């Protein structure tokens, strides 16, 4: 009988094996027995090593079975069983079909094999071999612990990656925030992803005679949504380079074609496309000299409130989003124009505000509540208007889970500070 080489603590080293852990990390040296030996020897081994859960049975250094302490002791305690079986071969109570794995078996694969082999593997352990020769006994409990630790480490790494993705996404948006501060004297911008990163984004760019802005809601939220924002933002920048900012509908059409091409959702690839993603958006150009606003809308409304008016004017636009499989490659959106007076307010919000469930009846916040909030707080500076609206929305949401990303952009006409700010460009 082989003697043990460890203290039988059955606690393998774990922390260092998280990157590429294998069954070798779980192999513990334990006493073994050969198939020629009898049950009296098995009883002796279990009596001397009370921490031993199972006893491997070998033939020429190759494991052929596993004897469970619980099963063995239960059988031997039955009336006359000890007298009947003590001198018989140890294979009488041996599990002839235990789980046997090579030392280089990945832990995740081992976990799947252990589950497939049934409860006995988790209770009695499994045999680990090196080239077919016995290398150690694995504990089902330690396997579960390692799997949990491995999953926790993976989750930690994923969250680190997502946190860094958030840094990248916020950096992408920072130029637009800087442009807004330079171009508009009284404005508010709220951007709150539901998760660490999100599918809402905004783009604002200054030009000598005005500024261009886009607010968009990409398919989904979290990482998939954030990935789409990078594609969409890049498409907007390219479209502005090619066509300039003064025709938002033209820019929107170009962004639609670009996104469909990148996502493989254009007409030539529709049958092969594995996705149907896109975005709802509002693009608009504000001419600082004339104070005229030109907007194109893809399933996203733009609201205006003129000084002294009691009603908001809504620009809804087309009910077709950008980039989707069903959106034509040559889809053309329309421009809408409105002359704005000093003190007029313009507001755009993604449906993360409107569709949020809450209130005593657990229904959506809705457009009417948003309109009412804007009318009620219109006299406040725009940053305060944004704060009031968000406070009311959060109060309405209550204990309900946030449903979507949320973006809110508003500004008051007459406080433009455009004067060839740094970073502006001619188009």
Protein backbone atom coordinates (compact mmCIF):
# COMPACT_ATOMS: atom_id res chain seq x y z
CA UNK A 1 0.00 0.00 0.00
CA UNK A 2 1.39 3.45 -0.99
CA UNK A 3 1.93 5.89 1.84
CA UNK A 4 0.56 9.44 1.69
CA UNK A 5 2.85 12.31 0.73
CA UNK A 6 0.83 15.16 2.26
CA UNK A 7 -0.94 15.94 5.50
CA UNK A 8 -4.34 15.05 3.95
CA UNK A 9 -5.71 18.56 4.44
CA UNK A 10 -7.34 18.13 1.02
CA UNK A 11 -6.88 21.86 0.42
CA UNK A 12 -5.18 22.50 -2.92
CA UNK A 13 -3.43 25.73 -3.84
CA UNK A 14 -5.91 27.87 -5.75
CA UNK A 15 -5.12 31.54 -6.11
CA UNK A 16 -2.32 31.13 -8.61
CA UNK A 17 -4.30 28.89 -10.93
CA UNK A 18 -7.08 31.29 -11.80
CA UNK A 19 -5.74 32.20 -15.22
CA UNK A 20 -5.55 28.70 -16.67
CA UNK A 21 -6.48 26.28 -13.85
CA UNK A 22 -6.46 22.55 -14.55
CA UNK A 23 -7.25 19.38 -12.65
CA UNK A 24 -3.63 19.24 -11.47
CA UNK A 25 -4.44 22.10 -9.06
CA UNK A 26 -6.92 19.82 -7.29
CA UNK A 27 -4.79 16.66 -7.12
CA UNK A 28 -4.10 15.62 -3.52
CA UNK A 29 -1.82 12.73 -2.57
CA UNK A 30 -3.78 10.17 -0.54
CA UNK A 31 -3.29 6.55 0.50
CA UNK A 32 -4.06 4.04 -2.23
CA UNK A 33 -4.69 0.31 -2.30
CA UNK A 34 -4.15 -2.35 -4.95
CA UNK A 35 -6.94 -4.53 -6.22
CA UNK A 36 -5.32 -7.68 -4.71
CA UNK A 37 -5.77 -6.42 -1.15
CA UNK A 38 -8.82 -7.28 0.93
CA UNK A 39 -11.47 -5.30 2.78
CA UNK A 40 -9.65 -5.73 6.10
CA UNK A 41 -6.89 -3.53 4.66
CA UNK A 42 -9.45 -1.00 3.46
CA UNK A 43 -10.93 -0.86 6.93
CA UNK A 44 -7.46 -0.34 8.41
CA UNK A 45 -6.72 2.55 6.03
CA UNK A 46 -10.00 4.30 6.73
CA UNK A 47 -9.45 3.82 10.48
CA UNK A 48 -5.99 5.39 10.37
CA UNK A 49 -6.97 8.28 8.06
CA UNK A 50 -10.30 9.57 9.29
CA UNK A 51 -10.18 12.60 7.00
CA UNK A 52 -10.05 10.35 3.93
CA UNK A 53 -13.35 10.45 2.03
CA UNK A 54 -12.49 7.89 -0.64
CA UNK A 55 -9.76 5.34 -1.29
CA UNK A 56 -8.39 4.86 -4.82
CA UNK A 57 -7.85 1.30 -6.06
CA UNK A 58 -4.93 0.78 -8.44
CA UNK A 59 -3.65 -1.84 -10.80
CA UNK A 60 -0.07 -1.28 -12.00
CA UNK A 61 -0.30 2.38 -10.91
CA UNK A 62 -3.45 2.88 -12.98
CA UNK A 63 -6.70 3.59 -11.08
CA UNK A 64 -9.51 1.11 -11.67
CA UNK A 65 -12.00 2.25 -9.06
CA UNK A 66 -12.80 4.23 -5.96
CA UNK A 67 -14.03 3.06 -2.57
CA UNK A 68 -16.31 5.50 -0.77
CA UNK A 69 -15.85 5.65 3.00
CA UNK A 70 -19.57 6.15 3.59
CA UNK A 71 -20.65 3.26 1.39
CA UNK A 72 -17.90 0.94 2.66
CA UNK A 73 -18.57 1.63 6.33
CA UNK A 74 -22.30 1.30 5.83
CA UNK A 75 -21.89 -2.12 4.25
CA UNK A 76 -19.38 -3.41 6.77
CA UNK A 77 -21.60 -2.37 9.68
CA UNK A 78 -24.44 -4.61 8.56
CA UNK A 79 -24.93 -7.88 10.50
CA UNK A 80 -22.40 -10.55 9.48
CA UNK A 81 -21.02 -8.43 6.59
CA UNK A 82 -17.67 -7.95 8.25
CA UNK A 83 -17.29 -11.70 8.77
CA UNK A 84 -18.45 -12.36 5.21
CA UNK A 85 -16.44 -9.69 3.35
CA UNK A 86 -13.38 -8.84 5.46
CA UNK A 87 -11.16 -11.38 3.70
CA UNK A 88 -12.60 -10.77 0.27
CA UNK A 89 -11.14 -8.52 -2.42
CA UNK A 90 -11.53 -4.80 -1.91
CA UNK A 91 -13.35 -4.51 -5.24
CA UNK A 92 -16.50 -5.90 -3.59
CA UNK A 93 -17.62 -2.39 -2.55
CA UNK A 94 -15.64 -0.45 -5.14
CA UNK A 95 -17.18 2.01 -7.59
CA UNK A 96 -15.98 0.56 -10.88
CA UNK A 97 -16.89 3.63 -12.90
CA UNK A 98 -15.58 6.73 -11.10
CA UNK A 99 -14.78 9.94 -12.92
CA UNK A 100 -11.14 9.83 -14.12
CA UNK A 101 -9.52 12.90 -15.67
CA UNK A 102 -6.06 13.83 -16.88
CA UNK A 103 -4.05 16.44 -14.97
CA UNK A 104 -4.33 18.95 -17.84
CA UNK A 105 -8.15 18.92 -17.92
CA UNK A 106 -9.38 22.53 -17.62
CA UNK A 107 -11.32 23.18 -14.43
CA UNK A 108 -14.41 24.35 -16.30
CA UNK A 109 -14.41 21.16 -18.37
CA UNK A 110 -13.90 19.16 -15.19
CA UNK A 111 -16.88 20.88 -13.61
CA UNK A 112 -19.10 19.90 -16.52
CA UNK A 113 -17.85 16.30 -16.36
CA UNK A 114 -18.46 16.16 -12.61
CA UNK A 115 -22.03 17.37 -12.97
CA UNK A 116 -22.67 14.91 -15.80
CA UNK A 117 -21.29 11.99 -13.76
CA UNK A 118 -23.77 12.58 -10.96
CA UNK A 119 -23.83 13.26 -7.24
CA UNK A 120 -21.33 10.53 -6.41
CA UNK A 121 -18.48 12.57 -7.92
CA UNK A 122 -19.31 15.61 -5.85
CA UNK A 123 -19.64 13.48 -2.71
CA UNK A 124 -16.80 10.95 -3.14
CA UNK A 125 -14.39 12.82 -5.39
CA UNK A 126 -12.71 11.86 -8.64
CA UNK A 127 -9.42 10.37 -9.81
CA UNK A 128 -6.74 12.47 -11.46
CA UNK A 129 -4.16 10.76 -13.66
CA UNK A 130 -1.02 11.77 -15.50
CA UNK A 131 -0.68 9.75 -18.65
CA UNK A 132 -3.07 7.22 -17.19
CA UNK A 133 -1.11 6.80 -13.94
CA UNK A 134 -2.60 7.90 -10.64
CA UNK A 135 -1.63 11.47 -9.75
CA UNK A 136 -4.02 12.31 -6.93
CA UNK A 137 -7.57 12.41 -5.66
CA UNK A 138 -9.80 15.36 -6.41
CA UNK A 139 -12.45 16.65 -4.02
CA UNK A 140 -15.87 17.59 -5.35
CA UNK A 141 -16.15 20.30 -2.70
CA UNK A 142 -12.80 21.83 -3.65
CA UNK A 143 -13.79 21.67 -7.32
CA UNK A 144 -16.91 23.69 -6.55
CA UNK A 145 -14.88 26.19 -4.54
CA UNK A 146 -12.41 26.64 -7.36
CA UNK A 147 -15.19 27.06 -9.90
CA UNK A 148 -16.77 29.74 -7.72
CA UNK A 149 -13.43 31.50 -7.30
CA UNK A 150 -12.72 31.26 -11.01
CA UNK A 151 -16.12 32.72 -11.85
CA UNK A 152 -15.62 35.51 -9.33
CA UNK A 153 -12.27 36.34 -10.90
CA UNK A 154 -13.81 36.33 -14.35
CA UNK A 155 -16.58 38.62 -13.15
CA UNK A 156 -14.00 40.93 -11.62
CA UNK A 157 -12.04 41.09 -14.87
CA UNK A 158 -15.20 41.70 -16.87
CA UNK A 159 -16.20 44.53 -14.55
CA UNK A 160 -12.72 46.02 -14.82
CA UNK A 161 -13.07 45.92 -18.60
CA UNK A 162 -16.52 47.49 -18.46
CA UNK A 163 -15.28 50.19 -16.08
CA UNK A 164 -12.50 51.03 -18.52
CA UNK A 165 -15.02 50.97 -21.39
CA UNK A 166 -16.94 53.58 -19.40
CA UNK A 167 -13.82 55.75 -19.27
CA UNK A 168 -13.50 55.44 -23.06
CA UNK A 169 -17.18 56.23 -23.64
CA UNK A 170 -17.11 59.27 -21.34
CA UNK A 171 -13.92 60.47 -23.04
CA UNK A 172 -15.71 60.17 -26.39
CA UNK A 173 -18.51 62.38 -25.06
CA UNK A 174 -16.29 64.91 -23.30
CA UNK A 175 -15.50 66.85 -26.49
CA UNK A 176 -19.23 67.44 -27.02
CA UNK A 177 -19.64 68.67 -23.45
CA UNK A 178 -16.76 71.08 -23.95
CA UNK A 179 -18.30 72.30 -27.21
CA UNK A 180 -21.66 72.82 -25.49
CA UNK A 181 -20.04 74.90 -22.75
CA UNK A 182 -18.35 77.07 -25.38
CA UNK A 183 -21.33 77.44 -27.69
CA UNK A 184 -24.35 77.78 -25.41
CA UNK A 185 -24.75 80.05 -22.43
CA UNK A 186 -27.74 78.32 -20.84
CA UNK A 187 -28.00 74.59 -21.37
CA UNK A 188 -28.38 71.31 -19.52
CA UNK A 189 -27.19 67.86 -20.46
CA UNK A 190 -28.02 64.74 -18.46
CA UNK A 191 -26.55 61.40 -19.53
CA UNK A 192 -27.18 58.41 -17.28
CA UNK A 193 -26.55 54.91 -18.64
CA UNK A 194 -28.65 52.22 -16.98
CA UNK A 195 -25.49 50.17 -16.49
CA UNK A 196 -21.85 51.27 -16.31
CA UNK A 197 -21.89 51.97 -20.04
CA UNK A 198 -24.89 52.61 -22.23
CA UNK A 199 -26.45 52.90 -25.67
CA UNK A 200 -27.45 56.58 -25.46
CA UNK A 201 -25.01 59.19 -26.71
CA UNK A 202 -24.82 62.78 -27.88
CA UNK A 203 -22.66 64.71 -30.28
CA UNK A 204 -22.24 68.49 -30.37
CA UNK A 205 -19.84 70.31 -32.62
CA UNK A 206 -19.20 74.02 -33.06
CA UNK A 207 -18.87 75.88 -36.36
CA UNK A 208 -18.24 79.60 -36.99
CA UNK A 209 -21.90 80.40 -37.65
CA UNK A 210 -23.64 77.92 -35.38
CA UNK A 211 -23.51 74.43 -34.02
CA UNK A 212 -24.68 70.92 -34.85
CA UNK A 213 -26.07 68.51 -32.28
CA UNK A 214 -27.28 64.93 -32.25
CA UNK A 215 -28.98 62.94 -29.50
CA UNK A 216 -29.33 59.21 -30.16
CA UNK A 217 -30.57 56.03 -28.55
CA UNK A 218 -28.87 52.91 -29.90
CA UNK A 219 -30.33 49.42 -29.71
CA UNK A 220 -30.00 47.88 -26.26
CA UNK A 221 -27.99 49.11 -23.31
CA UNK A 222 -24.86 48.07 -21.46
CA UNK A 223 -21.90 46.80 -23.48
CA UNK A 224 -23.80 46.02 -26.74
CA UNK A 225 -25.39 49.45 -26.72
CA UNK A 226 -22.08 51.15 -25.96
CA UNK A 227 -20.41 49.33 -28.85
CA UNK A 228 -23.06 50.70 -31.21
CA UNK A 229 -22.51 54.24 -29.91
CA UNK A 230 -18.89 54.06 -31.06
CA UNK A 231 -19.99 53.01 -34.55
CA UNK A 232 -22.70 55.67 -34.71
CA UNK A 233 -20.51 58.46 -33.34
CA UNK A 234 -17.80 57.68 -35.88
CA UNK A 235 -20.41 57.68 -38.66
CA UNK A 236 -21.67 61.12 -37.60
CA UNK A 237 -18.17 62.59 -37.63
CA UNK A 238 -17.51 61.20 -41.10
CA UNK A 239 -20.84 62.50 -42.41
CA UNK A 240 -20.15 65.98 -41.06
CA UNK A 241 -16.73 65.95 -42.70
CA UNK A 242 -18.30 65.04 -46.04
CA UNK A 243 -21.52 67.09 -46.05
CA UNK A 244 -21.21 69.77 -43.39
CA UNK A 245 -23.68 70.44 -40.56
CA UNK A 246 -26.43 72.57 -42.15
CA UNK A 247 -28.52 69.78 -43.65
CA UNK A 248 -29.34 67.38 -40.77
CA UNK A 249 -31.52 65.15 -42.97
CA UNK A 250 -28.63 64.64 -45.39
CA UNK A 251 -26.29 63.84 -42.49
CA UNK A 252 -28.86 61.39 -41.11
CA UNK A 253 -29.13 59.58 -44.43
CA UNK A 254 -25.36 59.25 -44.67
CA UNK A 255 -25.12 57.93 -41.09
CA UNK A 256 -27.83 55.38 -41.90
CA UNK A 257 -25.90 54.07 -44.91
CA UNK A 258 -22.65 53.97 -42.97
CA UNK A 259 -24.11 52.07 -40.02
CA UNK A 260 -25.86 49.54 -42.26
CA UNK A 261 -22.60 48.95 -44.10
CA UNK A 262 -20.55 48.46 -40.92
CA UNK A 263 -23.16 46.14 -39.39
CA UNK A 264 -23.69 44.16 -42.59
CA UNK A 265 -27.35 45.21 -42.68
CA UNK A 266 -27.33 46.85 -46.11
CA UNK A 267 -29.43 45.50 -48.94
CA UNK A 268 -26.69 43.34 -50.46
CA UNK A 269 -26.07 41.56 -47.17
CA UNK A 270 -29.55 41.44 -45.67
CA UNK A 271 -29.91 37.68 -46.09
CA UNK A 272 -26.59 37.11 -44.29
CA UNK A 273 -27.01 39.66 -41.51
CA UNK A 274 -26.84 38.25 -37.99
CA UNK A 275 -28.14 41.42 -36.36
CA UNK A 276 -30.85 44.02 -36.68
CA UNK A 277 -29.46 46.95 -34.77
CA UNK A 278 -29.66 50.68 -35.21
CA UNK A 279 -30.71 53.82 -33.40
CA UNK A 280 -33.40 56.43 -32.93
CA UNK A 281 -32.05 59.95 -33.17
CA UNK A 282 -32.60 63.65 -33.57
CA UNK A 283 -30.05 65.67 -35.58
CA UNK A 284 -30.29 69.45 -35.72
CA UNK A 285 -28.45 72.55 -36.83
CA UNK A 286 -28.77 75.85 -34.97
CA UNK A 287 -27.85 78.97 -36.91
CA UNK A 288 -26.52 81.39 -34.30
CA UNK A 289 -27.09 84.51 -36.42
CA UNK A 290 -30.69 83.92 -37.49
CA UNK A 291 -31.66 81.74 -34.53
CA UNK A 292 -33.28 79.27 -36.88
CA UNK A 293 -33.23 75.62 -35.97
CA UNK A 294 -33.30 72.87 -38.61
CA UNK A 295 -33.94 69.34 -37.40
CA UNK A 296 -34.33 65.82 -38.76
CA UNK A 297 -36.03 63.24 -36.56
CA UNK A 298 -35.84 59.46 -36.62
CA UNK A 299 -38.38 58.21 -34.07
CA UNK A 300 -37.25 60.85 -31.56
CA UNK A 301 -39.11 64.08 -30.87
CA UNK A 302 -37.75 67.59 -30.44
CA UNK A 303 -39.78 70.00 -28.31
CA UNK A 304 -39.73 73.79 -28.46
CA UNK A 305 -41.31 76.28 -26.08
CA UNK A 306 -41.48 79.90 -27.25
CA UNK A 307 -41.45 82.75 -24.70
CA UNK A 308 -44.93 83.41 -23.32
CA UNK A 309 -46.42 80.33 -25.00
CA UNK A 310 -48.48 77.87 -22.98
CA UNK A 311 -48.03 74.93 -25.33
CA UNK A 312 -44.96 73.08 -26.53
CA UNK A 313 -44.42 72.53 -30.23
CA UNK A 314 -43.42 68.99 -31.12
CA UNK A 315 -41.33 67.88 -34.08
CA UNK A 316 -41.82 64.13 -34.41
CA UNK A 317 -40.46 63.43 -37.88
CA UNK A 318 -40.33 60.02 -39.57
CA UNK A 319 -41.10 56.79 -37.73
CA UNK A 320 -38.04 55.05 -39.19
CA UNK A 321 -34.83 54.47 -37.27
CA UNK A 322 -31.28 54.52 -38.59
CA UNK A 323 -29.28 51.45 -39.56
CA UNK A 324 -31.88 48.73 -39.10
CA UNK A 325 -32.25 45.89 -41.62
CA UNK A 326 -35.70 47.16 -42.65
CA UNK A 327 -34.53 50.75 -43.07
CA UNK A 328 -33.83 51.34 -46.79
CA UNK A 329 -30.23 52.05 -47.70
CA UNK A 330 -31.38 55.21 -49.47
CA UNK A 331 -33.83 56.31 -46.80
CA UNK A 332 -34.34 60.07 -46.88
CA UNK A 333 -35.42 61.97 -43.82
CA UNK A 334 -36.98 65.44 -43.98
CA UNK A 335 -35.75 68.68 -42.48
CA UNK A 336 -38.09 70.73 -40.33
CA UNK A 337 -37.37 74.38 -39.54
CA UNK A 338 -38.51 76.67 -36.76
CA UNK A 339 -37.71 80.28 -36.04
CA UNK A 340 -36.80 80.66 -32.38
CA UNK A 341 -37.05 83.84 -30.34
CA UNK A 342 -34.84 84.97 -27.52
CA UNK A 343 -35.74 82.95 -24.45
CA UNK A 344 -37.18 80.00 -26.39
CA UNK A 345 -36.40 76.57 -24.95
CA UNK A 346 -35.49 73.49 -26.98
CA UNK A 347 -35.55 70.03 -25.41
CA UNK A 348 -34.76 66.48 -26.54
CA UNK A 349 -35.05 63.37 -24.38
CA UNK A 350 -34.52 59.69 -25.10
CA UNK A 351 -37.27 57.25 -24.19
CA UNK A 352 -35.39 56.22 -21.03
CA UNK A 353 -37.29 59.03 -19.30
CA UNK A 354 -40.64 58.58 -21.02
CA UNK A 355 -40.86 54.78 -20.76
CA UNK A 356 -39.73 54.50 -17.15
CA UNK A 357 -42.27 52.58 -15.06
CA UNK A 358 -43.28 54.02 -11.71
CA UNK A 359 -45.92 55.92 -9.78
CA UNK A 360 -48.79 54.43 -7.76
CA UNK A 361 -50.17 52.62 -10.84
CA UNK A 362 -46.80 51.31 -12.11
CA UNK A 363 -47.22 52.87 -15.53
CA UNK A 364 -44.81 54.77 -17.79
CA UNK A 365 -43.73 58.30 -16.88
CA UNK A 366 -44.99 59.41 -20.29
CA UNK A 367 -44.65 62.45 -22.51
CA UNK A 368 -47.31 64.48 -20.72
CA UNK A 369 -45.48 64.45 -17.39
CA UNK A 370 -42.29 65.53 -19.15
CA UNK A 371 -44.11 68.39 -20.89
CA UNK A 372 -45.74 69.46 -17.63
CA UNK A 373 -42.38 69.49 -15.83
CA UNK A 374 -40.81 71.66 -18.54
CA UNK A 375 -43.69 74.15 -18.42
CA UNK A 376 -43.61 74.28 -14.63
CA UNK A 377 -39.88 75.00 -14.38
CA UNK A 378 -39.37 77.06 -17.55
CA UNK A 379 -38.34 80.20 -15.65
CA UNK A 380 -35.35 78.49 -14.05
CA UNK A 381 -31.88 78.39 -15.62
CA UNK A 382 -31.61 75.32 -17.86
CA UNK A 383 -29.25 73.38 -15.54
CA UNK A 384 -31.87 73.80 -12.81
CA UNK A 385 -34.63 72.75 -15.20
CA UNK A 386 -32.68 69.56 -15.90
CA UNK A 387 -32.21 68.89 -12.18
CA UNK A 388 -35.92 69.42 -11.43
CA UNK A 389 -37.01 67.11 -14.22
CA UNK A 390 -34.60 64.39 -13.10
CA UNK A 391 -35.66 64.75 -9.46
CA UNK A 392 -39.29 64.33 -10.43
CA UNK A 393 -38.49 61.39 -12.70
CA UNK A 394 -36.54 59.60 -9.94
CA UNK A 395 -39.33 60.26 -7.45
CA UNK A 396 -41.81 58.83 -9.93
CA UNK A 397 -39.57 55.79 -10.54
CA UNK A 398 -39.50 55.00 -6.83
CA UNK A 399 -38.41 51.44 -6.14
CA UNK A 400 -38.84 50.33 -9.73
CA UNK A 401 -35.75 49.15 -11.58
CA UNK A 402 -34.28 51.51 -14.17
CA UNK A 403 -35.46 50.24 -17.53
CA UNK A 404 -33.17 51.97 -20.00
CA UNK A 405 -30.40 54.48 -20.55
CA UNK A 406 -31.45 58.08 -20.12
CA UNK A 407 -30.36 61.24 -21.91
CA UNK A 408 -31.83 64.72 -21.66
CA UNK A 409 -30.57 67.81 -23.55
CA UNK A 410 -32.05 71.27 -23.43
CA UNK A 411 -30.98 74.84 -24.12
CA UNK A 412 -32.37 78.37 -24.04
CA UNK A 413 -32.01 80.59 -27.10
CA UNK A 414 -30.40 84.01 -26.70
CA UNK A 415 -27.44 82.93 -24.61
CA UNK A 416 -25.24 81.74 -27.46
CA UNK A 417 -21.60 82.51 -26.92
CA UNK A 418 -20.34 81.33 -30.33
CA UNK A 419 -17.31 83.38 -31.26
CA UNK A 420 -15.03 80.99 -33.07
CA UNK A 421 -14.39 78.91 -29.93
CA UNK A 422 -11.31 76.75 -29.77
CA UNK A 423 -11.90 73.47 -31.59
CA UNK A 424 -14.51 74.89 -33.98
CA UNK A 425 -14.04 74.22 -37.66
CA UNK A 426 -15.26 75.59 -40.94
CA UNK A 427 -17.68 73.49 -42.99
